[in-house]
């Protein structure tokens, strides 16, 4: 059974609940303000003994001091910007457990064998420790579109739930 926003608000108001207005279109987040010049540093390649130069991705939050001070494998060098973590109670083993959901990282692996990973890309943590990795802008747009579709389905389920609860209470 489909319920309009006005019906949902009326039903919720009848039950004494406050209902937040639903925006018709999401507002995209603003990109962060550009930081100062990217960090530049070097390290000794543990495999070749050569000193390699690194220019961090702007906004990189990784502490590279250990890599810069000791010989390192180029495969262990990456730059990353994390998103804000969000947690939901996920019931994976019979008991709800607070798990991180829909986190993301903006990454660059400057010495990766795969050329695409040498460019900025995003990895999305769908639920704690379960990732969709290496997304380019089109791939991330696909994930966003898929999630937007699921959010709309959840909004419909919410409206149906409000109606079902109201009908259930009335029938008792």
N, C-alpha and C. Protein backbone atom coordinates (compact mmCIF):
# COMPACT_ATOMS: atom_id res chain seq x y z
N UNK A 1 0.84 -1.17 0.00
CA UNK A 1 0.00 0.00 0.00
C UNK A 1 0.89 1.23 0.00
N UNK A 2 0.66 2.15 -0.91
CA UNK A 2 1.45 3.38 -1.02
C UNK A 2 0.79 4.48 -0.21
N UNK A 3 1.61 5.29 0.43
CA UNK A 3 1.11 6.38 1.26
C UNK A 3 1.83 7.64 0.85
N UNK A 4 1.10 8.73 0.70
CA UNK A 4 1.73 10.00 0.33
C UNK A 4 2.42 10.59 1.54
N UNK A 5 3.31 11.57 1.28
CA UNK A 5 4.00 12.25 2.39
C UNK A 5 3.01 12.90 3.33
N UNK A 6 1.93 13.49 2.80
CA UNK A 6 0.96 14.15 3.68
C UNK A 6 0.23 13.13 4.55
N UNK A 7 -0.07 11.94 3.99
CA UNK A 7 -0.69 10.89 4.79
C UNK A 7 0.25 10.42 5.89
N UNK A 8 1.53 10.26 5.54
CA UNK A 8 2.52 9.83 6.52
C UNK A 8 2.61 10.83 7.65
N UNK A 9 2.67 12.12 7.32
CA UNK A 9 2.77 13.16 8.34
C UNK A 9 1.53 13.17 9.21
N UNK A 10 0.34 13.00 8.59
CA UNK A 10 -0.90 13.00 9.36
C UNK A 10 -0.93 11.82 10.32
N UNK A 11 -0.55 10.62 9.81
CA UNK A 11 -0.55 9.43 10.67
C UNK A 11 0.44 9.60 11.81
N UNK A 12 1.63 10.11 11.50
CA UNK A 12 2.63 10.30 12.53
C UNK A 12 2.15 11.34 13.54
N UNK A 13 1.50 12.40 13.06
CA UNK A 13 0.99 13.43 13.97
C UNK A 13 -0.10 12.86 14.87
N UNK A 14 -0.95 11.99 14.30
CA UNK A 14 -1.99 11.35 15.10
C UNK A 14 -1.39 10.50 16.22
N UNK A 15 -0.18 9.94 15.97
CA UNK A 15 0.48 9.10 16.97
C UNK A 15 1.37 9.92 17.90
N UNK A 16 1.39 11.24 17.71
CA UNK A 16 2.18 12.10 18.57
C UNK A 16 3.66 12.11 18.23
N UNK A 17 4.02 11.70 17.02
CA UNK A 17 5.42 11.68 16.62
C UNK A 17 5.74 12.94 15.83
N UNK A 18 6.96 13.41 15.95
CA UNK A 18 7.43 14.50 15.13
C UNK A 18 7.99 13.92 13.85
N UNK A 19 7.67 14.53 12.73
CA UNK A 19 8.13 14.05 11.45
C UNK A 19 8.99 15.13 10.82
N UNK A 20 10.18 14.77 10.41
CA UNK A 20 11.05 15.71 9.73
C UNK A 20 10.63 15.82 8.28
N UNK A 21 10.69 17.02 7.71
CA UNK A 21 10.36 17.14 6.30
C UNK A 21 11.39 16.40 5.46
N UNK A 22 10.96 15.85 4.35
CA UNK A 22 11.84 15.11 3.46
C UNK A 22 12.13 16.00 2.27
N UNK A 23 13.39 16.22 1.99
CA UNK A 23 13.77 17.01 0.82
C UNK A 23 13.55 16.18 -0.42
N UNK A 24 13.16 16.84 -1.50
CA UNK A 24 12.89 16.09 -2.72
C UNK A 24 14.16 15.70 -3.45
N UNK A 25 15.25 16.42 -3.24
CA UNK A 25 16.50 16.07 -3.90
C UNK A 25 17.64 16.25 -2.90
N UNK A 26 18.57 15.30 -2.87
CA UNK A 26 19.69 15.44 -1.94
C UNK A 26 20.60 16.59 -2.34
N UNK A 27 21.18 17.22 -1.37
CA UNK A 27 22.14 18.29 -1.63
C UNK A 27 23.52 17.67 -1.55
N UNK A 28 24.30 17.75 -2.64
CA UNK A 28 25.62 17.12 -2.60
C UNK A 28 26.53 17.85 -1.62
N UNK A 29 27.40 17.11 -0.95
CA UNK A 29 28.31 17.76 -0.01
C UNK A 29 29.28 18.66 -0.75
N UNK A 30 29.70 19.72 -0.09
CA UNK A 30 30.67 20.63 -0.68
C UNK A 30 32.06 20.01 -0.55
N UNK A 31 32.89 20.14 -1.59
CA UNK A 31 34.25 19.61 -1.47
C UNK A 31 35.01 20.40 -0.41
N UNK A 32 35.97 19.74 0.24
CA UNK A 32 36.73 20.46 1.25
C UNK A 32 37.54 21.60 0.63
N UNK A 33 37.77 22.62 1.42
CA UNK A 33 38.57 23.74 0.95
C UNK A 33 39.98 23.24 0.65
N UNK A 34 40.58 23.74 -0.43
CA UNK A 34 41.93 23.27 -0.76
C UNK A 34 42.89 23.57 0.38
N UNK A 35 43.69 22.57 0.70
CA UNK A 35 44.69 22.74 1.75
C UNK A 35 45.93 23.39 1.14
N UNK A 36 46.92 23.58 1.96
CA UNK A 36 48.17 24.12 1.45
C UNK A 36 48.79 23.12 0.49
N UNK A 37 49.95 23.46 -0.01
CA UNK A 37 50.62 22.57 -0.97
C UNK A 37 50.75 21.17 -0.42
N UNK A 38 50.66 20.16 -1.29
CA UNK A 38 50.80 18.77 -0.82
C UNK A 38 52.18 18.55 -0.20
N UNK A 39 52.22 17.63 0.75
CA UNK A 39 53.50 17.27 1.38
C UNK A 39 54.39 16.56 0.37
N UNK A 40 55.68 16.83 0.48
CA UNK A 40 56.68 16.13 -0.34
C UNK A 40 57.67 15.49 0.62
N UNK A 41 58.01 14.25 0.33
CA UNK A 41 58.95 13.54 1.18
C UNK A 41 59.60 12.44 0.37
N UNK A 42 60.56 11.75 0.94
CA UNK A 42 61.24 10.67 0.23
C UNK A 42 61.46 9.50 1.18
N UNK A 43 61.75 8.36 0.58
CA UNK A 43 62.05 7.16 1.36
C UNK A 43 63.02 6.31 0.56
N UNK A 44 63.66 5.36 1.24
CA UNK A 44 64.58 4.44 0.59
C UNK A 44 63.81 3.17 0.27
N UNK A 45 63.86 2.79 -1.03
CA UNK A 45 63.20 1.57 -1.49
C UNK A 45 63.95 0.37 -0.91
N UNK A 46 63.29 -0.43 -0.08
CA UNK A 46 63.91 -1.58 0.57
C UNK A 46 64.41 -2.60 -0.46
N UNK A 47 63.82 -2.63 -1.66
CA UNK A 47 64.19 -3.61 -2.68
C UNK A 47 65.41 -3.19 -3.49
N UNK A 48 65.55 -1.89 -3.76
CA UNK A 48 66.62 -1.41 -4.65
C UNK A 48 67.65 -0.54 -3.95
N UNK A 49 67.32 -0.02 -2.77
CA UNK A 49 68.23 0.89 -2.08
C UNK A 49 68.18 2.31 -2.63
N UNK A 50 67.36 2.55 -3.65
CA UNK A 50 67.25 3.89 -4.24
C UNK A 50 66.31 4.74 -3.41
N UNK A 51 66.61 6.03 -3.37
CA UNK A 51 65.72 6.99 -2.70
C UNK A 51 64.65 7.38 -3.71
N UNK A 52 63.38 7.27 -3.29
CA UNK A 52 62.25 7.62 -4.14
C UNK A 52 61.52 8.82 -3.55
N UNK A 53 61.10 9.71 -4.41
CA UNK A 53 60.38 10.91 -4.00
C UNK A 53 58.88 10.64 -4.05
N UNK A 54 58.16 11.21 -3.09
CA UNK A 54 56.71 11.07 -3.02
C UNK A 54 56.11 12.45 -2.84
N UNK A 55 55.06 12.73 -3.60
CA UNK A 55 54.23 13.92 -3.37
C UNK A 55 52.87 13.41 -2.95
N UNK A 56 52.50 13.74 -1.72
CA UNK A 56 51.21 13.27 -1.20
C UNK A 56 50.06 13.90 -1.97
N UNK A 57 48.95 13.19 -1.99
CA UNK A 57 47.70 13.73 -2.48
C UNK A 57 47.29 14.84 -1.52
N UNK A 58 46.74 15.91 -2.06
CA UNK A 58 46.29 17.02 -1.22
C UNK A 58 45.28 16.49 -0.20
N UNK A 59 45.45 16.83 1.07
CA UNK A 59 44.55 16.39 2.13
C UNK A 59 44.94 15.06 2.76
N UNK A 60 46.04 14.45 2.31
CA UNK A 60 46.45 13.14 2.84
C UNK A 60 46.59 13.23 4.35
N UNK A 61 46.00 12.23 5.05
CA UNK A 61 46.02 12.18 6.50
C UNK A 61 46.97 11.12 7.04
N UNK A 62 47.68 10.43 6.17
CA UNK A 62 48.56 9.34 6.60
C UNK A 62 49.86 9.92 7.17
N UNK A 63 50.30 9.36 8.29
CA UNK A 63 51.58 9.73 8.88
C UNK A 63 52.66 8.91 8.18
N UNK A 64 53.43 9.55 7.32
CA UNK A 64 54.45 8.86 6.54
C UNK A 64 55.82 8.87 7.22
N UNK A 65 55.89 9.31 8.48
CA UNK A 65 57.19 9.47 9.13
C UNK A 65 57.96 8.16 9.23
N UNK A 66 57.31 7.04 9.50
CA UNK A 66 58.02 5.76 9.58
C UNK A 66 58.56 5.36 8.21
N UNK A 67 57.77 5.55 7.14
CA UNK A 67 58.25 5.24 5.80
C UNK A 67 59.44 6.11 5.42
N UNK A 68 59.41 7.38 5.82
CA UNK A 68 60.48 8.31 5.47
C UNK A 68 61.75 8.02 6.25
N UNK A 69 61.63 7.44 7.44
CA UNK A 69 62.80 7.24 8.29
C UNK A 69 63.43 5.85 8.19
N UNK A 70 62.73 4.89 7.59
CA UNK A 70 63.28 3.54 7.46
C UNK A 70 63.03 3.05 6.03
N UNK A 71 63.90 2.15 5.53
CA UNK A 71 63.63 1.61 4.19
C UNK A 71 62.24 0.98 4.14
N UNK A 72 61.53 1.23 3.06
CA UNK A 72 60.15 0.75 2.92
C UNK A 72 59.95 0.13 1.55
N UNK A 73 58.96 -0.75 1.48
CA UNK A 73 58.56 -1.32 0.20
C UNK A 73 57.61 -0.32 -0.47
N UNK A 74 57.85 0.03 -1.72
CA UNK A 74 56.95 0.98 -2.39
C UNK A 74 55.49 0.55 -2.38
N UNK A 75 55.23 -0.76 -2.32
CA UNK A 75 53.85 -1.26 -2.26
C UNK A 75 53.15 -0.86 -0.96
N UNK A 76 53.93 -0.47 0.06
CA UNK A 76 53.36 -0.09 1.35
C UNK A 76 53.12 1.41 1.46
N UNK A 77 53.32 2.15 0.37
CA UNK A 77 53.15 3.60 0.39
C UNK A 77 51.79 3.93 -0.21
N UNK A 78 50.98 4.67 0.53
CA UNK A 78 49.70 5.15 0.02
C UNK A 78 49.35 6.46 0.69
N UNK A 79 48.51 7.22 0.04
CA UNK A 79 47.94 8.43 0.61
C UNK A 79 46.44 8.18 0.78
N UNK A 80 45.87 8.80 1.81
CA UNK A 80 44.46 8.51 2.10
C UNK A 80 43.81 9.67 2.83
N UNK A 81 42.54 9.90 2.49
CA UNK A 81 41.68 10.83 3.20
C UNK A 81 40.44 10.04 3.60
N UNK A 82 40.17 9.99 4.90
CA UNK A 82 39.03 9.21 5.40
C UNK A 82 37.76 10.04 5.45
N UNK A 83 36.63 9.36 5.42
CA UNK A 83 35.34 10.02 5.63
C UNK A 83 34.99 9.91 7.11
N UNK A 84 33.92 10.57 7.49
CA UNK A 84 33.44 10.47 8.86
C UNK A 84 32.75 9.11 9.02
N UNK A 85 33.06 8.42 10.11
CA UNK A 85 32.48 7.10 10.34
C UNK A 85 31.05 7.21 10.87
N UNK A 86 30.20 6.28 10.43
CA UNK A 86 28.83 6.15 10.89
C UNK A 86 28.63 4.70 11.29
N UNK A 87 27.94 4.48 12.40
CA UNK A 87 27.72 3.13 12.92
C UNK A 87 26.23 2.83 13.03
N UNK A 88 25.85 1.60 12.73
CA UNK A 88 24.49 1.12 12.91
C UNK A 88 24.53 -0.23 13.63
N UNK A 89 23.46 -0.58 14.35
CA UNK A 89 23.43 -1.90 15.01
C UNK A 89 23.09 -2.98 13.99
N UNK A 90 24.07 -3.79 13.63
CA UNK A 90 23.92 -4.85 12.64
C UNK A 90 23.82 -6.18 13.38
N UNK A 91 22.81 -6.98 13.03
CA UNK A 91 22.60 -8.27 13.66
C UNK A 91 23.17 -9.35 12.74
N UNK A 92 24.48 -9.59 12.83
CA UNK A 92 25.12 -10.59 11.98
C UNK A 92 25.20 -11.96 12.65
N UNK A 93 25.19 -11.98 13.99
CA UNK A 93 25.40 -13.25 14.71
C UNK A 93 24.35 -13.48 15.78
N UNK A 94 23.15 -12.94 15.60
CA UNK A 94 22.10 -13.16 16.58
C UNK A 94 21.99 -12.06 17.62
N UNK A 95 22.97 -11.19 17.70
CA UNK A 95 22.95 -10.08 18.64
C UNK A 95 23.40 -8.82 17.91
N UNK A 96 22.61 -7.75 17.97
CA UNK A 96 23.03 -6.52 17.29
C UNK A 96 24.39 -6.03 17.80
N UNK A 97 25.22 -5.64 16.86
CA UNK A 97 26.56 -5.15 17.17
C UNK A 97 26.77 -3.87 16.37
N UNK A 98 27.30 -2.85 17.01
CA UNK A 98 27.56 -1.58 16.34
C UNK A 98 28.67 -1.78 15.32
N UNK A 99 28.33 -1.55 14.04
CA UNK A 99 29.30 -1.72 12.96
C UNK A 99 29.34 -0.46 12.11
N UNK A 100 30.53 -0.19 11.60
CA UNK A 100 30.73 0.94 10.70
C UNK A 100 30.07 0.62 9.35
N UNK A 101 29.32 1.59 8.80
CA UNK A 101 28.66 1.40 7.51
C UNK A 101 28.91 2.62 6.62
N UNK A 102 28.98 2.36 5.34
CA UNK A 102 29.08 3.39 4.31
C UNK A 102 30.15 4.43 4.58
N UNK A 103 31.31 3.95 5.01
CA UNK A 103 32.47 4.82 5.11
C UNK A 103 33.17 4.83 3.76
N UNK A 104 34.04 5.80 3.57
CA UNK A 104 34.79 5.83 2.33
C UNK A 104 36.18 6.40 2.59
N UNK A 105 37.08 6.07 1.70
CA UNK A 105 38.41 6.65 1.73
C UNK A 105 38.75 7.10 0.32
N UNK A 106 39.40 8.24 0.23
CA UNK A 106 39.97 8.74 -1.03
C UNK A 106 41.43 8.35 -0.98
N UNK A 107 41.90 7.61 -1.98
CA UNK A 107 43.22 6.98 -1.93
C UNK A 107 44.05 7.25 -3.17
N UNK A 108 45.36 7.17 -3.00
CA UNK A 108 46.32 7.10 -4.09
C UNK A 108 47.40 6.14 -3.65
N UNK A 109 47.72 5.19 -4.49
CA UNK A 109 48.84 4.27 -4.25
C UNK A 109 49.88 4.58 -5.32
N UNK A 110 50.83 5.49 -5.05
CA UNK A 110 51.69 6.03 -6.10
C UNK A 110 52.59 5.01 -6.79
N UNK A 111 52.83 3.85 -6.18
CA UNK A 111 53.71 2.86 -6.78
C UNK A 111 52.98 1.56 -7.13
N UNK A 112 51.65 1.61 -7.20
CA UNK A 112 50.86 0.41 -7.49
C UNK A 112 51.18 -0.13 -8.88
N UNK A 113 51.08 -1.45 -9.02
CA UNK A 113 51.26 -2.07 -10.33
C UNK A 113 50.12 -1.68 -11.27
N UNK A 114 48.93 -1.51 -10.73
CA UNK A 114 47.76 -1.12 -11.53
C UNK A 114 47.76 0.39 -11.69
N UNK A 115 47.83 0.87 -12.90
CA UNK A 115 47.90 2.31 -13.16
C UNK A 115 46.69 3.05 -12.59
N UNK A 116 45.51 2.44 -12.63
CA UNK A 116 44.30 3.12 -12.14
C UNK A 116 44.42 3.45 -10.65
N UNK A 117 45.15 2.63 -9.88
CA UNK A 117 45.30 2.88 -8.45
C UNK A 117 46.31 3.99 -8.16
N UNK A 118 47.10 4.36 -9.18
CA UNK A 118 48.04 5.47 -9.02
C UNK A 118 47.33 6.81 -9.13
N UNK A 119 46.10 6.79 -9.59
CA UNK A 119 45.27 7.99 -9.67
C UNK A 119 44.36 8.02 -8.43
N UNK A 120 43.91 9.22 -8.02
CA UNK A 120 42.95 9.24 -6.90
C UNK A 120 41.73 8.37 -7.22
N UNK A 121 41.34 7.58 -6.25
CA UNK A 121 40.19 6.69 -6.37
C UNK A 121 39.55 6.56 -4.99
N UNK A 122 38.34 6.04 -4.96
CA UNK A 122 37.62 5.90 -3.70
C UNK A 122 37.35 4.43 -3.42
N UNK A 123 37.44 4.07 -2.15
CA UNK A 123 37.00 2.76 -1.69
C UNK A 123 35.86 2.99 -0.71
N UNK A 124 34.79 2.22 -0.87
CA UNK A 124 33.60 2.37 -0.02
C UNK A 124 33.48 1.13 0.86
N UNK A 125 33.41 1.37 2.17
CA UNK A 125 33.19 0.29 3.12
C UNK A 125 31.69 0.16 3.32
N UNK A 126 31.09 -0.83 2.69
CA UNK A 126 29.64 -1.01 2.74
C UNK A 126 29.21 -1.31 4.17
N UNK A 127 29.83 -2.28 4.78
CA UNK A 127 29.65 -2.59 6.20
C UNK A 127 31.02 -3.02 6.68
N UNK A 128 31.27 -2.82 7.93
CA UNK A 128 32.59 -2.99 8.52
C UNK A 128 33.41 -4.12 7.89
N UNK A 129 34.55 -3.74 7.34
CA UNK A 129 35.53 -4.64 6.72
C UNK A 129 35.07 -5.28 5.40
N UNK A 130 34.01 -4.79 4.81
CA UNK A 130 33.54 -5.28 3.50
C UNK A 130 33.56 -4.09 2.54
N UNK A 131 34.48 -4.12 1.57
CA UNK A 131 34.79 -2.95 0.75
C UNK A 131 34.44 -3.14 -0.72
N UNK A 132 34.10 -2.03 -1.38
CA UNK A 132 34.11 -1.90 -2.84
C UNK A 132 35.29 -1.00 -3.10
N UNK A 133 36.32 -1.50 -3.77
CA UNK A 133 37.58 -0.77 -3.86
C UNK A 133 37.88 -0.26 -5.26
N UNK A 134 38.74 0.76 -5.28
CA UNK A 134 39.31 1.25 -6.53
C UNK A 134 38.32 1.94 -7.45
N UNK A 135 37.35 2.66 -6.90
CA UNK A 135 36.31 3.27 -7.73
C UNK A 135 36.80 4.57 -8.37
N UNK A 136 36.64 4.66 -9.69
CA UNK A 136 36.89 5.92 -10.39
C UNK A 136 35.61 6.75 -10.28
N UNK A 137 35.59 7.98 -10.81
CA UNK A 137 34.38 8.79 -10.67
C UNK A 137 33.11 8.13 -11.20
N UNK A 138 33.18 7.44 -12.33
CA UNK A 138 31.99 6.77 -12.87
C UNK A 138 31.56 5.61 -11.98
N UNK A 139 32.51 4.85 -11.48
CA UNK A 139 32.18 3.74 -10.59
C UNK A 139 31.55 4.21 -9.30
N UNK A 140 32.09 5.31 -8.73
CA UNK A 140 31.51 5.86 -7.50
C UNK A 140 30.11 6.40 -7.78
N UNK A 141 29.91 7.03 -8.94
CA UNK A 141 28.58 7.53 -9.30
C UNK A 141 27.58 6.37 -9.39
N UNK A 142 28.02 5.22 -9.89
CA UNK A 142 27.16 4.05 -9.97
C UNK A 142 26.77 3.57 -8.57
N UNK A 143 27.73 3.53 -7.66
CA UNK A 143 27.44 3.12 -6.28
C UNK A 143 26.46 4.11 -5.65
N UNK A 144 26.71 5.41 -5.83
CA UNK A 144 25.82 6.42 -5.26
C UNK A 144 24.40 6.27 -5.82
N UNK A 145 24.28 6.07 -7.12
CA UNK A 145 22.95 5.89 -7.73
C UNK A 145 22.24 4.66 -7.19
N UNK A 146 22.99 3.59 -6.99
CA UNK A 146 22.40 2.37 -6.44
C UNK A 146 21.90 2.61 -5.02
N UNK A 147 22.72 3.28 -4.22
CA UNK A 147 22.32 3.56 -2.83
C UNK A 147 21.14 4.53 -2.78
N UNK A 148 21.11 5.51 -3.68
CA UNK A 148 19.96 6.43 -3.72
C UNK A 148 18.68 5.65 -4.00
N UNK A 149 18.74 4.69 -4.90
CA UNK A 149 17.58 3.85 -5.19
C UNK A 149 17.14 3.06 -3.97
N UNK A 150 18.09 2.56 -3.23
CA UNK A 150 17.76 1.81 -2.01
C UNK A 150 17.17 2.72 -0.94
N UNK A 151 17.67 3.95 -0.83
CA UNK A 151 17.12 4.91 0.14
C UNK A 151 15.67 5.22 -0.21
N UNK A 152 15.37 5.39 -1.48
CA UNK A 152 13.98 5.63 -1.89
C UNK A 152 13.10 4.43 -1.53
N UNK A 153 13.62 3.23 -1.73
CA UNK A 153 12.86 2.03 -1.36
C UNK A 153 12.64 1.99 0.16
N UNK A 154 13.63 2.40 0.94
CA UNK A 154 13.47 2.45 2.40
C UNK A 154 12.45 3.51 2.80
N UNK A 155 12.42 4.61 2.08
CA UNK A 155 11.40 5.64 2.38
C UNK A 155 10.00 5.10 2.12
N UNK A 156 9.84 4.35 1.03
CA UNK A 156 8.53 3.74 0.76
C UNK A 156 8.18 2.73 1.85
N UNK A 157 9.18 1.93 2.26
CA UNK A 157 8.95 0.95 3.33
C UNK A 157 8.57 1.66 4.63
N UNK A 158 9.18 2.80 4.89
CA UNK A 158 8.85 3.57 6.10
C UNK A 158 7.39 4.01 6.06
N UNK A 159 6.97 4.55 4.94
CA UNK A 159 5.58 5.00 4.80
C UNK A 159 4.61 3.82 4.97
N UNK A 160 4.96 2.68 4.37
CA UNK A 160 4.12 1.49 4.51
C UNK A 160 4.09 1.01 5.95
N UNK A 161 5.20 1.10 6.65
CA UNK A 161 5.27 0.70 8.05
C UNK A 161 4.38 1.59 8.92
N UNK A 162 4.43 2.90 8.69
CA UNK A 162 3.58 3.82 9.45
C UNK A 162 2.12 3.47 9.23
N UNK A 163 1.74 3.23 7.98
CA UNK A 163 0.36 2.88 7.67
C UNK A 163 -0.03 1.54 8.31
N UNK A 164 0.84 0.55 8.17
CA UNK A 164 0.54 -0.77 8.72
C UNK A 164 0.37 -0.72 10.23
N UNK A 165 1.20 0.07 10.91
CA UNK A 165 1.07 0.18 12.37
C UNK A 165 -0.23 0.88 12.76
N UNK A 166 -0.59 1.91 12.00
CA UNK A 166 -1.84 2.62 12.30
C UNK A 166 -3.03 1.69 12.09
N UNK A 167 -3.03 0.93 10.98
CA UNK A 167 -4.11 -0.01 10.71
C UNK A 167 -4.16 -1.11 11.76
N UNK A 168 -3.01 -1.57 12.18
CA UNK A 168 -2.92 -2.64 13.16
C UNK A 168 -3.50 -2.18 14.51
N UNK A 169 -3.15 -0.97 14.90
CA UNK A 169 -3.68 -0.44 16.16
C UNK A 169 -5.19 -0.25 16.09
N UNK A 170 -5.68 0.21 14.95
CA UNK A 170 -7.11 0.45 14.77
C UNK A 170 -7.89 -0.86 14.83
N UNK A 171 -7.33 -1.91 14.28
CA UNK A 171 -8.01 -3.21 14.21
C UNK A 171 -8.04 -3.92 15.57
N UNK A 172 -7.33 -3.50 16.52
CA UNK A 172 -7.23 -4.21 17.82
C UNK A 172 -8.32 -3.80 18.75
